[in-house]
C-alpha atoms as a PDB file:
ATOM      1  CA  MET A   1     165.739 136.884 108.813  1.00  0.00           C
ATOM      2  CA  THR A   2     162.179 135.562 108.913  1.00  0.00           C
ATOM      3  CA  GLU A   3     161.721 132.008 107.719  1.00  0.00           C
ATOM      4  CA  PHE A   4     158.363 131.353 106.181  1.00  0.00           C
ATOM      5  CA  SER A   5     156.533 128.026 106.325  1.00  0.00           C
ATOM      6  CA  LYS A   6     157.291 125.113 104.013  1.00  0.00           C
ATOM      7  CA  ARG A   7     153.653 125.195 102.969  1.00  0.00           C
ATOM      8  CA  LEU A   8     154.080 128.773 101.721  1.00  0.00           C
ATOM      9  CA  ALA A   9     157.190 127.782  99.828  1.00  0.00           C
ATOM     10  CA  ALA A  10     155.292 124.872  98.246  1.00  0.00           C
ATOM     11  CA  LEU A  11     152.576 127.132  96.829  1.00  0.00           C
ATOM     12  CA  PRO A  12     153.020 127.770  93.125  1.00  0.00           C
ATOM     13  CA  GLY A  13     152.677 131.278  91.775  1.00  0.00           C
ATOM     14  CA  TYR A  14     149.036 132.318  91.563  1.00  0.00           C
ATOM     15  CA  PRO A  15     148.092 132.914  87.943  1.00  0.00           C
ATOM     16  CA  MET A  16     145.822 135.896  88.555  1.00  0.00           C
ATOM     17  CA  ALA A  17     147.916 137.606  91.229  1.00  0.00           C
ATOM     18  CA  GLU A  18     150.049 139.649  88.852  1.00  0.00           C
ATOM     19  CA  LEU A  19     147.482 140.367  86.143  1.00  0.00           C
ATOM     20  CA  PRO A  20     145.817 143.425  87.780  1.00  0.00           C
ATOM     21  CA  ALA A  21     149.186 145.199  88.048  1.00  0.00           C
ATOM     22  CA  ILE A  22     150.079 144.285  84.475  1.00  0.00           C
ATOM     23  CA  LYS A  23     146.669 145.487  83.275  1.00  0.00           C
ATOM     24  CA  ARG A  24     147.042 148.801  85.131  1.00  0.00           C
ATOM     25  CA  ARG A  25     150.512 149.374  83.685  1.00  0.00           C
ATOM     26  CA  LEU A  26     149.362 148.723  80.126  1.00  0.00           C
ATOM     27  CA  ILE A  27     146.330 151.005  80.511  1.00  0.00           C
ATOM     28  CA  GLN A  28     148.641 153.743  81.808  1.00  0.00           C
ATOM     29  CA  GLN A  29     150.705 153.278  78.669  1.00  0.00           C
ATOM     30  CA  GLY A  30     147.620 153.901  76.565  1.00  0.00           C
ATOM     31  CA  VAL A  31     147.100 150.332  75.458  1.00  0.00           C
ATOM     32  CA  ASP A  32     143.529 149.535  74.352  1.00  0.00           C
ATOM     33  CA  LEU A  33     143.225 146.379  76.448  1.00  0.00           C
ATOM     34  CA  ILE A  34     140.764 143.513  76.307  1.00  0.00           C
ATOM     35  CA  ASP A  35     140.995 141.649  79.612  1.00  0.00           C
ATOM     36  CA  VAL A  36     140.174 137.960  79.268  1.00  0.00           C
ATOM     37  CA  GLY A  37     142.319 136.886  82.190  1.00  0.00           C
ATOM     38  CA  ALA A  38     140.085 136.382  85.189  1.00  0.00           C
ATOM     39  CA  GLY A  39     136.802 135.115  83.762  1.00  0.00           C
ATOM     40  CA  ASP A  40     135.058 138.191  85.128  1.00  0.00           C
ATOM     41  CA  ALA A  41     132.169 139.221  82.858  1.00  0.00           C
ATOM     42  CA  ASP A  42     131.527 142.937  82.594  1.00  0.00           C
ATOM     43  CA  PHE A  43     127.743 142.614  82.586  1.00  0.00           C
ATOM     44  CA  PRO A  44     125.955 144.400  85.477  1.00  0.00           C
ATOM     45  CA  PRO A  45     124.648 142.322  88.354  1.00  0.00           C
ATOM     46  CA  PRO A  46     120.924 141.459  88.401  1.00  0.00           C
ATOM     47  CA  ARG A  47     118.706 144.426  89.171  1.00  0.00           C
ATOM     48  CA  VAL A  48     116.926 142.378  91.811  1.00  0.00           C
ATOM     49  CA  ALA A  49     120.267 141.853  93.585  1.00  0.00           C
ATOM     50  CA  VAL A  50     120.991 145.594  93.693  1.00  0.00           C
ATOM     51  CA  ALA A  51     117.446 146.366  94.878  1.00  0.00           C
ATOM     52  CA  ALA A  52     117.528 143.711  97.603  1.00  0.00           C
ATOM     53  CA  LEU A  53     120.965 144.813  98.797  1.00  0.00           C
ATOM     54  CA  THR A  54     119.841 148.456  98.883  1.00  0.00           C
ATOM     55  CA  GLN A  55     116.888 147.550 101.025  1.00  0.00           C
ATOM     56  CA  ALA A  56     118.763 145.150 103.257  1.00  0.00           C
ATOM     57  CA  ILE A  57     121.539 147.550 104.215  1.00  0.00           C
ATOM     58  CA  GLN A  58     118.928 149.886 105.705  1.00  0.00           C
ATOM     59  CA  ASP A  59     118.274 147.268 108.392  1.00  0.00           C
ATOM     60  CA  PRO A  60     120.822 147.525 111.217  1.00  0.00           C
ATOM     61  CA  ALA A  61     120.437 143.806 111.927  1.00  0.00           C
ATOM     62  CA  MET A  62     122.067 143.070 108.551  1.00  0.00           C
ATOM     63  CA  SER A  63     125.328 144.587 109.833  1.00  0.00           C
ATOM     64  CA  ARG A  64     125.649 142.045 112.664  1.00  0.00           C
ATOM     65  CA  TYR A  65     127.885 139.006 112.539  1.00  0.00           C
ATOM     66  CA  PRO A  66     126.388 136.452 110.187  1.00  0.00           C
ATOM     67  CA  PHE A  67     128.294 133.538 111.736  1.00  0.00           C
ATOM     68  CA  GLN A  68     128.090 130.233 109.916  1.00  0.00           C
ATOM     69  CA  ILE A  69     124.323 129.970 110.154  1.00  0.00           C
ATOM     70  CA  GLY A  70     124.061 132.995 107.858  1.00  0.00           C
ATOM     71  CA  LEU A  71     120.711 134.268 106.636  1.00  0.00           C
ATOM     72  CA  PRO A  72     118.076 131.513 106.742  1.00  0.00           C
ATOM     73  CA  ALA A  73     116.381 132.968 103.688  1.00  0.00           C
ATOM     74  CA  PHE A  74     119.544 132.457 101.610  1.00  0.00           C
ATOM     75  CA  ARG A  75     119.878 128.837 102.722  1.00  0.00           C
ATOM     76  CA  GLU A  76     116.228 128.186 101.874  1.00  0.00           C
ATOM     77  CA  ALA A  77     116.503 129.949  98.502  1.00  0.00           C
ATOM     78  CA  ALA A  78     119.585 127.874  97.592  1.00  0.00           C
ATOM     79  CA  ALA A  79     117.806 124.641  98.556  1.00  0.00           C
ATOM     80  CA  ALA A  80     114.713 125.648  96.571  1.00  0.00           C
ATOM     81  CA  TYR A  81     116.883 126.408  93.503  1.00  0.00           C
ATOM     82  CA  LEU A  82     118.506 122.953  93.729  1.00  0.00           C
ATOM     83  CA  LYS A  83     115.069 121.389  93.902  1.00  0.00           C
ATOM     84  CA  ARG A  84     113.796 123.279  90.869  1.00  0.00           C
ATOM     85  CA  ARG A  85     116.948 122.965  88.804  1.00  0.00           C
ATOM     86  CA  PHE A  86     118.040 119.403  89.503  1.00  0.00           C
ATOM     87  CA  GLY A  87     115.085 117.808  91.272  1.00  0.00           C
ATOM     88  CA  LEU A  88     117.225 117.346  94.377  1.00  0.00           C
ATOM     89  CA  THR A  89     116.110 117.771  98.011  1.00  0.00           C
ATOM     90  CA  PHE A  90     118.572 118.899 100.658  1.00  0.00           C
ATOM     91  CA  ASP A  91     118.165 120.058 104.231  1.00  0.00           C
ATOM     92  CA  ALA A  92     118.918 123.800 104.039  1.00  0.00           C
ATOM     93  CA  PHE A  93     120.365 123.864 107.560  1.00  0.00           C
ATOM     94  CA  ALA A  94     122.269 120.580 107.755  1.00  0.00           C
ATOM     95  CA  GLU A  95     123.281 119.695 104.191  1.00  0.00           C
ATOM     96  CA  LEU A  96     123.850 123.137 102.730  1.00  0.00           C
ATOM     97  CA  HIS A  97     126.252 125.904 103.827  1.00  0.00           C
ATOM     98  CA  PRO A  98     126.729 129.515 102.706  1.00  0.00           C
ATOM     99  CA  LEU A  99     130.168 130.437 101.416  1.00  0.00           C
ATOM    100  CA  LEU A 100     132.180 133.558 100.690  1.00  0.00           C
ATOM    101  CA  GLY A 101     132.227 132.383  97.089  1.00  0.00           C
ATOM    102  CA  SER A 102     132.965 128.752  96.285  1.00  0.00           C
ATOM    103  CA  LYS A 103     136.746 129.347  96.274  1.00  0.00           C
ATOM    104  CA  GLU A 104     137.151 129.528 100.022  1.00  0.00           C
ATOM    105  CA  GLY A 105     134.761 126.618 100.505  1.00  0.00           C
ATOM    106  CA  ILE A 106     136.874 124.376  98.297  1.00  0.00           C
ATOM    107  CA  ALA A 107     140.034 125.276 100.183  1.00  0.00           C
ATOM    108  CA  HIS A 108     138.390 124.825 103.574  1.00  0.00           C
ATOM    109  CA  PHE A 109     136.891 121.506 102.546  1.00  0.00           C
ATOM    110  CA  ALA A 110     140.414 120.322 101.693  1.00  0.00           C
ATOM    111  CA  ALA A 111     141.581 121.477 105.139  1.00  0.00           C
ATOM    112  CA  ALA A 112     138.774 119.472 106.700  1.00  0.00           C
ATOM    113  CA  VAL A 113     139.495 116.152 104.993  1.00  0.00           C
ATOM    114  CA  LEU A 114     143.223 116.059 104.052  1.00  0.00           C
ATOM    115  CA  ASP A 115     146.223 115.203 106.200  1.00  0.00           C
ATOM    116  CA  PRO A 116     149.974 115.184 105.507  1.00  0.00           C
ATOM    117  CA  GLY A 117     150.678 112.091 103.444  1.00  0.00           C
ATOM    118  CA  ASP A 118     147.298 112.173 101.723  1.00  0.00           C
ATOM    119  CA  VAL A 119     147.017 112.807  97.992  1.00  0.00           C
ATOM    120  CA  ALA A 120     144.468 114.951  96.164  1.00  0.00           C
ATOM    121  CA  ILE A 121     143.993 114.535  92.412  1.00  0.00           C
ATOM    122  CA  VAL A 122     144.206 117.941  90.754  1.00  0.00           C
ATOM    123  CA  PRO A 123     143.153 118.544  87.121  1.00  0.00           C
ATOM    124  CA  ASP A 124     145.771 120.398  85.098  1.00  0.00           C
ATOM    125  CA  PRO A 125     144.920 122.951  83.852  1.00  0.00           C
ATOM    126  CA  GLY A 126     142.422 123.839  86.532  1.00  0.00           C
ATOM    127  CA  TYR A 127     141.349 126.317  89.136  1.00  0.00           C
ATOM    128  CA  ALA A 128     144.390 127.230  91.218  1.00  0.00           C
ATOM    129  CA  VAL A 129     142.607 126.715  94.527  1.00  0.00           C
ATOM    130  CA  TYR A 130     142.564 122.933  93.906  1.00  0.00           C
ATOM    131  CA  HIS A 131     146.349 122.895  94.036  1.00  0.00           C
ATOM    132  CA  GLY A 132     146.724 125.616  96.647  1.00  0.00           C
ATOM    133  CA  GLY A 133     144.067 124.232  98.981  1.00  0.00           C
ATOM    134  CA  THR A 134     145.753 120.835  98.886  1.00  0.00           C
ATOM    135  CA  VAL A 135     149.157 122.289  99.678  1.00  0.00           C
ATOM    136  CA  LEU A 136     147.795 124.452 102.531  1.00  0.00           C
ATOM    137  CA  ALA A 137     146.209 121.315 104.000  1.00  0.00           C
ATOM    138  CA  GLY A 138     149.638 119.705 104.071  1.00  0.00           C
ATOM    139  CA  ALA A 139     148.695 117.093 101.485  1.00  0.00           C
ATOM    140  CA  GLU A 140     150.271 116.209  98.149  1.00  0.00           C
ATOM    141  CA  PRO A 141     148.755 117.312  94.824  1.00  0.00           C
ATOM    142  CA  TYR A 142     148.857 114.775  92.012  1.00  0.00           C
ATOM    143  CA  LEU A 143     148.432 116.598  88.717  1.00  0.00           C
ATOM    144  CA  TYR A 144     146.338 114.878  86.062  1.00  0.00           C
ATOM    145  CA  ALA A 145     146.759 116.410  82.590  1.00  0.00           C
ATOM    146  CA  LEU A 146     143.473 117.192  80.881  1.00  0.00           C
ATOM    147  CA  THR A 147     143.965 116.511  77.205  1.00  0.00           C
ATOM    148  CA  ALA A 148     141.937 115.900  74.063  1.00  0.00           C
ATOM    149  CA  ARG A 149     142.838 112.196  74.291  1.00  0.00           C
ATOM    150  CA  THR A 150     140.271 111.772  77.083  1.00  0.00           C
ATOM    151  CA  GLN A 151     137.982 114.608  75.901  1.00  0.00           C
ATOM    152  CA  PHE A 152     139.472 116.608  78.814  1.00  0.00           C
ATOM    153  CA  LEU A 153     137.926 114.235  81.335  1.00  0.00           C
ATOM    154  CA  LEU A 154     139.860 113.272  84.478  1.00  0.00           C
ATOM    155  CA  GLU A 155     139.898 109.473  84.281  1.00  0.00           C
ATOM    156  CA  MET A 156     140.479 107.967  87.700  1.00  0.00           C
ATOM    157  CA  GLU A 157     141.274 104.531  86.272  1.00  0.00           C
ATOM    158  CA  GLU A 158     144.449 106.025  84.792  1.00  0.00           C
ATOM    159  CA  ILE A 159     145.849 107.109  88.122  1.00  0.00           C
ATOM    160  CA  PRO A 160     148.740 104.830  89.259  1.00  0.00           C
ATOM    161  CA  LYS A 161     147.622 102.312  91.857  1.00  0.00           C
ATOM    162  CA  ASP A 162     150.168 103.436  94.429  1.00  0.00           C
ATOM    163  CA  VAL A 163     148.796 106.983  94.131  1.00  0.00           C
ATOM    164  CA  VAL A 164     145.174 105.807  94.391  1.00  0.00           C
ATOM    165  CA  ARG A 165     145.958 104.040  97.647  1.00  0.00           C
ATOM    166  CA  ARG A 166     146.976 107.381  99.185  1.00  0.00           C
ATOM    167  CA  THR A 167     144.265 109.467  97.492  1.00  0.00           C
ATOM    168  CA  LYS A 168     141.651 111.065  99.723  1.00  0.00           C
ATOM    169  CA  LEU A 169     140.151 113.706  97.449  1.00  0.00           C
ATOM    170  CA  VAL A 170     139.645 114.485  93.751  1.00  0.00           C
ATOM    171  CA  TYR A 171     138.568 117.831  92.305  1.00  0.00           C
ATOM    172  CA  LEU A 172     136.172 117.729  89.379  1.00  0.00           C
ATOM    173  CA  ASN A 173     134.875 120.749  87.457  1.00  0.00           C
ATOM    174  CA  TYR A 174     132.359 120.217  84.661  1.00  0.00           C
ATOM    175  CA  PRO A 175     131.402 122.247  82.693  1.00  0.00           C
ATOM    176  CA  ASN A 176     135.129 122.770  82.838  1.00  0.00           C
ATOM    177  CA  ASN A 177     137.231 125.882  83.093  1.00  0.00           C
ATOM    178  CA  PRO A 178     139.332 126.409  81.043  1.00  0.00           C
ATOM    179  CA  THR A 179     138.703 123.620  78.498  1.00  0.00           C
ATOM    180  CA  ALA A 180     134.862 124.013  78.263  1.00  0.00           C
ATOM    181  CA  ALA A 181     134.544 120.216  78.380  1.00  0.00           C
ATOM    182  CA  VAL A 182     131.351 118.707  79.717  1.00  0.00           C
ATOM    183  CA  ALA A 183     130.984 115.410  81.571  1.00  0.00           C
ATOM    184  CA  PRO A 184     128.737 112.716  80.057  1.00  0.00           C
ATOM    185  CA  ARG A 185     126.556 110.847  82.508  1.00  0.00           C
ATOM    186  CA  ASP A 186     128.447 107.578  81.997  1.00  0.00           C
ATOM    187  CA  TYR A 187     131.679 109.357  82.946  1.00  0.00           C
ATOM    188  CA  LEU A 188     130.149 110.666  86.165  1.00  0.00           C
ATOM    189  CA  GLU A 189     128.732 107.226  86.969  1.00  0.00           C
ATOM    190  CA  ARG A 190     132.050 105.418  86.600  1.00  0.00           C
ATOM    191  CA  THR A 191     133.860 108.160  88.506  1.00  0.00           C
ATOM    192  CA  VAL A 192     131.440 108.031  91.438  1.00  0.00           C
ATOM    193  CA  GLU A 193     131.635 104.231  91.454  1.00  0.00           C
ATOM    194  CA  PHE A 194     135.470 104.373  91.453  1.00  0.00           C
ATOM    195  CA  CYS A 195     135.515 106.847  94.326  1.00  0.00           C
ATOM    196  CA  GLU A 196     133.031 104.804  96.350  1.00  0.00           C
ATOM    197  CA  ARG A 197     135.157 101.701  95.813  1.00  0.00           C
ATOM    198  CA  HIS A 198     138.388 103.436  96.848  1.00  0.00           C
ATOM    199  CA  ASP A 199     136.992 105.662  99.620  1.00  0.00           C
ATOM    200  CA  ILE A 200     137.829 108.877  97.765  1.00  0.00           C
ATOM    201  CA  LEU A 201     135.893 112.108  98.238  1.00  0.00           C
ATOM    202  CA  ILE A 202     134.841 114.315  95.335  1.00  0.00           C
ATOM    203  CA  ALA A 203     134.903 118.122  95.429  1.00  0.00           C
ATOM    204  CA  TYR A 204     132.526 118.824  92.530  1.00  0.00           C
ATOM    205  CA  ASP A 205     133.007 122.439  91.484  1.00  0.00           C
ATOM    206  CA  ASN A 206     129.862 123.417  89.569  1.00  0.00           C
ATOM    207  CA  PRO A 207     129.823 127.205  89.078  1.00  0.00           C
ATOM    208  CA  TYR A 208     129.285 127.030  85.327  1.00  0.00           C
ATOM    209  CA  CYS A 209     126.295 124.713  85.318  1.00  0.00           C
ATOM    210  CA  GLU A 210     124.046 127.449  83.893  1.00  0.00           C
ATOM    211  CA  ILE A 211     126.356 128.815  81.238  1.00  0.00           C
ATOM    212  CA  THR A 212     125.734 126.199  78.560  1.00  0.00           C
ATOM    213  CA  PHE A 213     124.667 126.332  74.939  1.00  0.00           C
ATOM    214  CA  ASP A 214     123.084 124.421  72.087  1.00  0.00           C
ATOM    215  CA  GLY A 215     120.551 122.621  74.247  1.00  0.00           C
ATOM    216  CA  TYR A 216     123.034 121.076  76.690  1.00  0.00           C
ATOM    217  CA  VAL A 217     121.881 121.078  80.327  1.00  0.00           C
ATOM    218  CA  ALA A 218     124.642 120.488  82.888  1.00  0.00           C
ATOM    219  CA  PRO A 219     123.860 118.076  85.720  1.00  0.00           C
ATOM    220  CA  SER A 220     124.539 118.007  89.417  1.00  0.00           C
ATOM    221  CA  ILE A 221     126.868 115.286  90.607  1.00  0.00           C
ATOM    222  CA  PHE A 222     124.040 114.294  92.958  1.00  0.00           C
ATOM    223  CA  GLU A 223     121.942 113.105  90.026  1.00  0.00           C
ATOM    224  CA  ILE A 224     124.310 110.113  89.992  1.00  0.00           C
ATOM    225  CA  PRO A 225     123.473 107.208  92.323  1.00  0.00           C
ATOM    226  CA  GLY A 226     125.933 106.961  95.195  1.00  0.00           C
ATOM    227  CA  ALA A 227     127.251 110.512  94.887  1.00  0.00           C
ATOM    228  CA  ARG A 228     125.729 111.653  98.154  1.00  0.00           C
ATOM    229  CA  GLU A 229     128.088 109.300  99.975  1.00  0.00           C
ATOM    230  CA  VAL A 230     131.293 110.728  98.472  1.00  0.00           C
ATOM    231  CA  ALA A 231     130.695 114.215  97.078  1.00  0.00           C
ATOM    232  CA  VAL A 232     130.335 117.825  98.105  1.00  0.00           C
ATOM    233  CA  GLU A 233     129.163 120.164  95.340  1.00  0.00           C
ATOM    234  CA  PHE A 234     130.101 123.827  95.211  1.00  0.00           C
ATOM    235  CA  HIS A 235     127.958 126.552  93.641  1.00  0.00           C
ATOM    236  CA  SER A 236     128.587 130.215  93.163  1.00  0.00           C
ATOM    237  CA  LEU A 237     126.635 133.334  92.219  1.00  0.00           C
ATOM    238  CA  SER A 238     129.793 134.749  90.637  1.00  0.00           C
ATOM    239  CA  LYS A 239     129.656 133.325  87.129  1.00  0.00           C
ATOM    240  CA  SER A 240     126.034 132.633  86.246  1.00  0.00           C
ATOM    241  CA  PHE A 241     124.760 135.828  87.862  1.00  0.00           C
ATOM    242  CA  CYS A 242     127.700 138.171  87.218  1.00  0.00           C
ATOM    243  CA  MET A 243     128.282 138.806  90.921  1.00  0.00           C
ATOM    244  CA  THR A 244     131.996 137.950  91.165  1.00  0.00           C
ATOM    245  CA  GLY A 245     132.841 140.719  93.616  1.00  0.00           C
ATOM    246  CA  TRP A 246     129.902 140.024  95.909  1.00  0.00           C
ATOM    247  CA  ARG A 247     131.579 136.808  97.153  1.00  0.00           C
ATOM    248  CA  LEU A 248     128.637 134.479  97.716  1.00  0.00           C
ATOM    249  CA  GLY A 249     128.064 130.805  97.057  1.00  0.00           C
ATOM    250  CA  TRP A 250     127.211 127.606  98.862  1.00  0.00           C
ATOM    251  CA  ALA A 251     128.300 124.012  99.358  1.00  0.00           C
ATOM    252  CA  VAL A 252     125.904 121.094  99.500  1.00  0.00           C
ATOM    253  CA  GLY A 253     126.387 117.460 100.457  1.00  0.00           C
ATOM    254  CA  LYS A 254     126.177 114.888 103.213  1.00  0.00           C
ATOM    255  CA  ARG A 255     125.723 116.526 106.597  1.00  0.00           C
ATOM    256  CA  GLU A 256     128.924 115.060 108.068  1.00  0.00           C
ATOM    257  CA  LEU A 257     131.007 116.563 105.254  1.00  0.00           C
ATOM    258  CA  ILE A 258     129.286 119.920 105.386  1.00  0.00           C
ATOM    259  CA  ALA A 259     129.724 120.009 109.172  1.00  0.00           C
ATOM    260  CA  ALA A 260     133.443 119.278 108.858  1.00  0.00           C
ATOM    261  CA  MET A 261     133.925 122.151 106.402  1.00  0.00           C
ATOM    262  CA  ALA A 262     131.850 124.465 108.623  1.00  0.00           C
ATOM    263  CA  LYS A 263     134.024 123.634 111.630  1.00  0.00           C
ATOM    264  CA  VAL A 264     137.094 124.832 109.719  1.00  0.00           C
ATOM    265  CA  LYS A 265     135.280 127.968 108.626  1.00  0.00           C
ATOM    266  CA  ASN A 266     134.356 128.792 112.208  1.00  0.00           C
ATOM    267  CA  TYR A 267     138.034 129.520 112.838  1.00  0.00           C
ATOM    268  CA  VAL A 268     138.788 131.549 109.723  1.00  0.00           C
ATOM    269  CA  ASP A 269     135.706 133.602 108.811  1.00  0.00           C
ATOM    270  CA  THR A 270     132.380 134.705 110.203  1.00  0.00           C
ATOM    271  CA  GLY A 271     130.305 134.299 107.045  1.00  0.00           C
ATOM    272  CA  ALA A 272     129.179 136.452 104.141  1.00  0.00           C
ATOM    273  CA  PHE A 273     127.654 139.890 104.773  1.00  0.00           C
ATOM    274  CA  LEU A 274     124.004 139.305 105.618  1.00  0.00           C
ATOM    275  CA  ALA A 275     122.819 141.981 103.191  1.00  0.00           C
ATOM    276  CA  VAL A 276     124.672 140.216 100.374  1.00  0.00           C
ATOM    277  CA  GLN A 277     122.981 136.990 101.427  1.00  0.00           C
ATOM    278  CA  ALA A 278     119.616 138.779 101.190  1.00  0.00           C
ATOM    279  CA  ALA A 279     120.506 139.848  97.679  1.00  0.00           C
ATOM    280  CA  GLY A 280     121.545 136.283  96.867  1.00  0.00           C
ATOM    281  CA  ALA A 281     118.224 134.945  98.102  1.00  0.00           C
ATOM    282  CA  ALA A 282     116.371 137.387  95.851  1.00  0.00           C
ATOM    283  CA  VAL A 283     118.445 136.346  92.839  1.00  0.00           C
ATOM    284  CA  LEU A 284     117.979 132.607  93.426  1.00  0.00           C
ATOM    285  CA  GLY A 285     114.244 133.124  93.728  1.00  0.00           C
ATOM    286  CA  ASP A 286     114.189 134.383  90.143  1.00  0.00           C
ATOM    287  CA  ALA A 287     117.256 132.440  88.921  1.00  0.00           C
ATOM    288  CA  GLU A 288     115.851 130.921  85.753  1.00  0.00           C
ATOM    289  CA  GLU A 289     114.689 134.215  84.240  1.00  0.00           C
ATOM    290  CA  ILE A 290     117.915 136.017  85.188  1.00  0.00           C
ATOM    291  CA  ILE A 291     120.129 133.250  83.802  1.00  0.00           C
ATOM    292  CA  ARG A 292     118.343 133.275  80.451  1.00  0.00           C
ATOM    293  CA  GLY A 293     119.269 136.895  79.926  1.00  0.00           C
ATOM    294  CA  TYR A 294     122.927 136.423  80.760  1.00  0.00           C
ATOM    295  CA  VAL A 295     123.310 133.237  78.717  1.00  0.00           C
ATOM    296  CA  ALA A 296     121.844 135.053  75.711  1.00  0.00           C
ATOM    297  CA  GLN A 297     124.511 137.714  76.058  1.00  0.00           C
ATOM    298  CA  PHE A 298     127.273 135.153  76.493  1.00  0.00           C
ATOM    299  CA  ARG A 299     125.977 133.361  73.383  1.00  0.00           C
ATOM    300  CA  GLU A 300     126.233 136.560  71.362  1.00  0.00           C
ATOM    301  CA  ARG A 301     129.834 137.036  72.481  1.00  0.00           C
ATOM    302  CA  ARG A 302     130.638 133.422  71.684  1.00  0.00           C
ATOM    303  CA  ALA A 303     129.238 133.916  68.176  1.00  0.00           C
ATOM    304  CA  ALA A 304     131.311 137.037  67.698  1.00  0.00           C
ATOM    305  CA  SER A 305     134.546 135.470  68.888  1.00  0.00           C
ATOM    306  CA  THR A 306     134.561 132.077  67.127  1.00  0.00           C
ATOM    307  CA  PRO A 307     134.877 131.731  63.315  1.00  0.00           C
ATOM    308  CA  ARG A 308     132.411 128.842  63.133  1.00  0.00           C
ATOM    309  CA  SER A 309     129.776 130.793  64.998  1.00  0.00           C
ATOM    310  CA  ARG A 310     130.641 134.103  63.411  1.00  0.00           C
ATOM    311  CA  ALA A 311     129.619 132.829  59.959  1.00  0.00           C
ATOM    312  CA  ARG A 312     126.210 134.119  58.937  1.00  0.00           C
ATOM    313  CA  ARG A 313     123.378 131.639  58.651  1.00  0.00           C
ATOM    314  CA  CYS A 314     121.518 130.861  55.463  1.00  0.00           C
ATOM    315  CA  THR A 315     118.043 132.283  54.920  1.00  0.00           C
ATOM    316  CA  CYS A 316     116.746 128.840  53.924  1.00  0.00           C
ATOM    317  CA  GLY A 317     116.850 127.731  57.538  1.00  0.00           C
ATOM    318  CA  CYS A 318     119.592 125.109  57.210  1.00  0.00           C
ATOM    319  CA  ARG A 319     122.535 124.960  59.593  1.00  0.00           C
ATOM    320  CA  CYS A 320     125.325 125.489  57.080  1.00  0.00           C
ATOM    321  CA  ARG A 321     127.848 128.299  57.394  1.00  0.00           C
ATOM    322  CA  ARG A 322     127.454 130.667  54.496  1.00  0.00           C
ATOM    323  CA  ASP A 323     131.025 131.912  54.733  1.00  0.00           C
ATOM    324  CA  SER A 324     132.469 128.396  54.381  1.00  0.00           C
ATOM    325  CA  VAL A 325     131.412 127.807  50.779  1.00  0.00           C
ATOM    326  CA  ARG A 326     134.551 126.918  48.865  1.00  0.00           C
ATOM    327  CA  GLY A 327     135.957 128.627  45.829  1.00  0.00           C
ATOM    328  CA  ARG A 328     135.352 132.198  46.952  1.00  0.00           C
ATOM    329  CA  SER A 329     137.876 134.756  48.093  1.00  0.00           C
ATOM    330  CA  SER A 330     137.528 136.493  51.432  1.00  0.00           C
ATOM    331  CA  ALA A 331     136.700 139.685  49.566  1.00  0.00           C
ATOM    332  CA  ALA A 332     133.900 137.918  47.709  1.00  0.00           C
ATOM    333  CA  ARG A 333     132.592 136.488  50.927  1.00  0.00           C
ATOM    334  CA  SER A 334     132.571 139.896  52.555  1.00  0.00           C
ATOM    335  CA  ARG A 335     130.455 141.214  49.653  1.00  0.00           C
ATOM    336  CA  ARG A 336     127.883 138.432  50.013  1.00  0.00           C
ATOM    337  CA  PRO A 337     124.453 139.907  50.772  1.00  0.00           C
ATOM    338  CA  ALA A 338     122.717 139.102  54.009  1.00  0.00           C
ATOM    339  CA  SER A 339     119.951 137.347  52.085  1.00  0.00           C
ATOM    340  CA  TRP A 340     122.379 134.940  50.424  1.00  0.00           C
ATOM    341  CA  CYS A 341     121.298 131.261  50.523  1.00  0.00           C
ATOM    342  CA  CYS A 342     123.401 128.144  50.196  1.00  0.00           C
ATOM    343  CA  ARG A 343     120.875 126.572  47.824  1.00  0.00           C
ATOM    344  CA  GLY A 344     122.214 128.835  45.132  1.00  0.00           C
ATOM    345  CA  ALA A 345     125.850 128.016  45.840  1.00  0.00           C
ATOM    346  CA  ARG A 346     127.829 125.362  43.994  1.00  0.00           C
ATOM    347  CA  SER A 347     129.377 122.689  46.191  1.00  0.00           C
ATOM    348  CA  ALA A 348     132.720 121.089  45.427  1.00  0.00           C
ATOM    349  CA  PRO A 349     132.309 118.005  43.165  1.00  0.00           C
ATOM    350  CA  GLY A 350     131.926 114.702  44.935  1.00  0.00           C
ATOM    351  CA  ARG A 351     131.864 116.202  48.449  1.00  0.00           C
ATOM    352  CA  LYS A 352     129.180 116.797  50.951  1.00  0.00           C
ATOM    353  CA  ASP A 353     129.036 120.264  52.419  1.00  0.00           C
ATOM    354  CA  SER A 354     131.398 120.126  55.417  1.00  0.00           C
ATOM    355  CA  SER A 355     129.845 123.242  56.833  1.00  0.00           C
ATOM    356  CA  ALA A 356     126.724 121.520  58.107  1.00  0.00           C
ATOM    357  CA  SER A 357     127.727 121.770  61.729  1.00  0.00           C
ATOM    358  CA  PRO A 358     127.155 124.996  63.595  1.00  0.00           C
END
């Protein structure tokens, strides 16, 4: 009987592995299914991506091995995007590396920096590759529970000292999946300072940096002083640009860290399809305009799915929720005309309108 490795046995069940089969079975049974399992938006990819891919695949050179160097145009487009978006300058060929989506890059970075006996701090809940990549590297995951007590922030100062002494890597993901928490600048500053002081590396997973609302703009970890010494940041075209199946992203950071990850990748993959990289370069060249369209669609879905956002706005221009006025039945609320205004509604005695927030 075949005995599999201890590392395989140590891997927990993968949350998304069984969902496709469950989904297929339910659909076969005639169930009208809404799939919210994998975070895979059903919007079409950017038209510029499809056009660039269609053109690129006509070139026989695009079907050659990409190797780790990849398509120079994609590296340059990613570096230019980082400059425009965050005001950060990186060497496109020494401090930036194309990935087959950020997932494999995170796992391969763990393989490059972790040894048996090392600890990696894993947010729980969090992306399964943080745990799995740590286990496959032979290291020990330490699960930190993300809770409302800390606003779903992973607070390094709360890690036991004996664990900190063995910690080599921490995974951070803000804007966060699945909690939707965001990281204030002072949090990032104290986390970077802690990691510098304790010689801990940060894998900063930043695929949701463009999917934000209500005026919030997500930062790069590299906007924080000292972060370049301890962090590698991972970006993906999957979420912001609705290209999950295209498998394209990049890692950026100090050249020694990027080179270590690239060395691991040399032995396990030969890079993303060059034609897909050409499409990615075209998308990143027009990133801001493309992102605006997708975020608007996500905002509409958010409004439709959350009661606070679903409430109709008043015509007077205030930010109250018309459906929250007290003393009315749901039937009465449903009959309220679209032109209804809160200025004509009677508030509860002695109370300010609690519906002032969006």
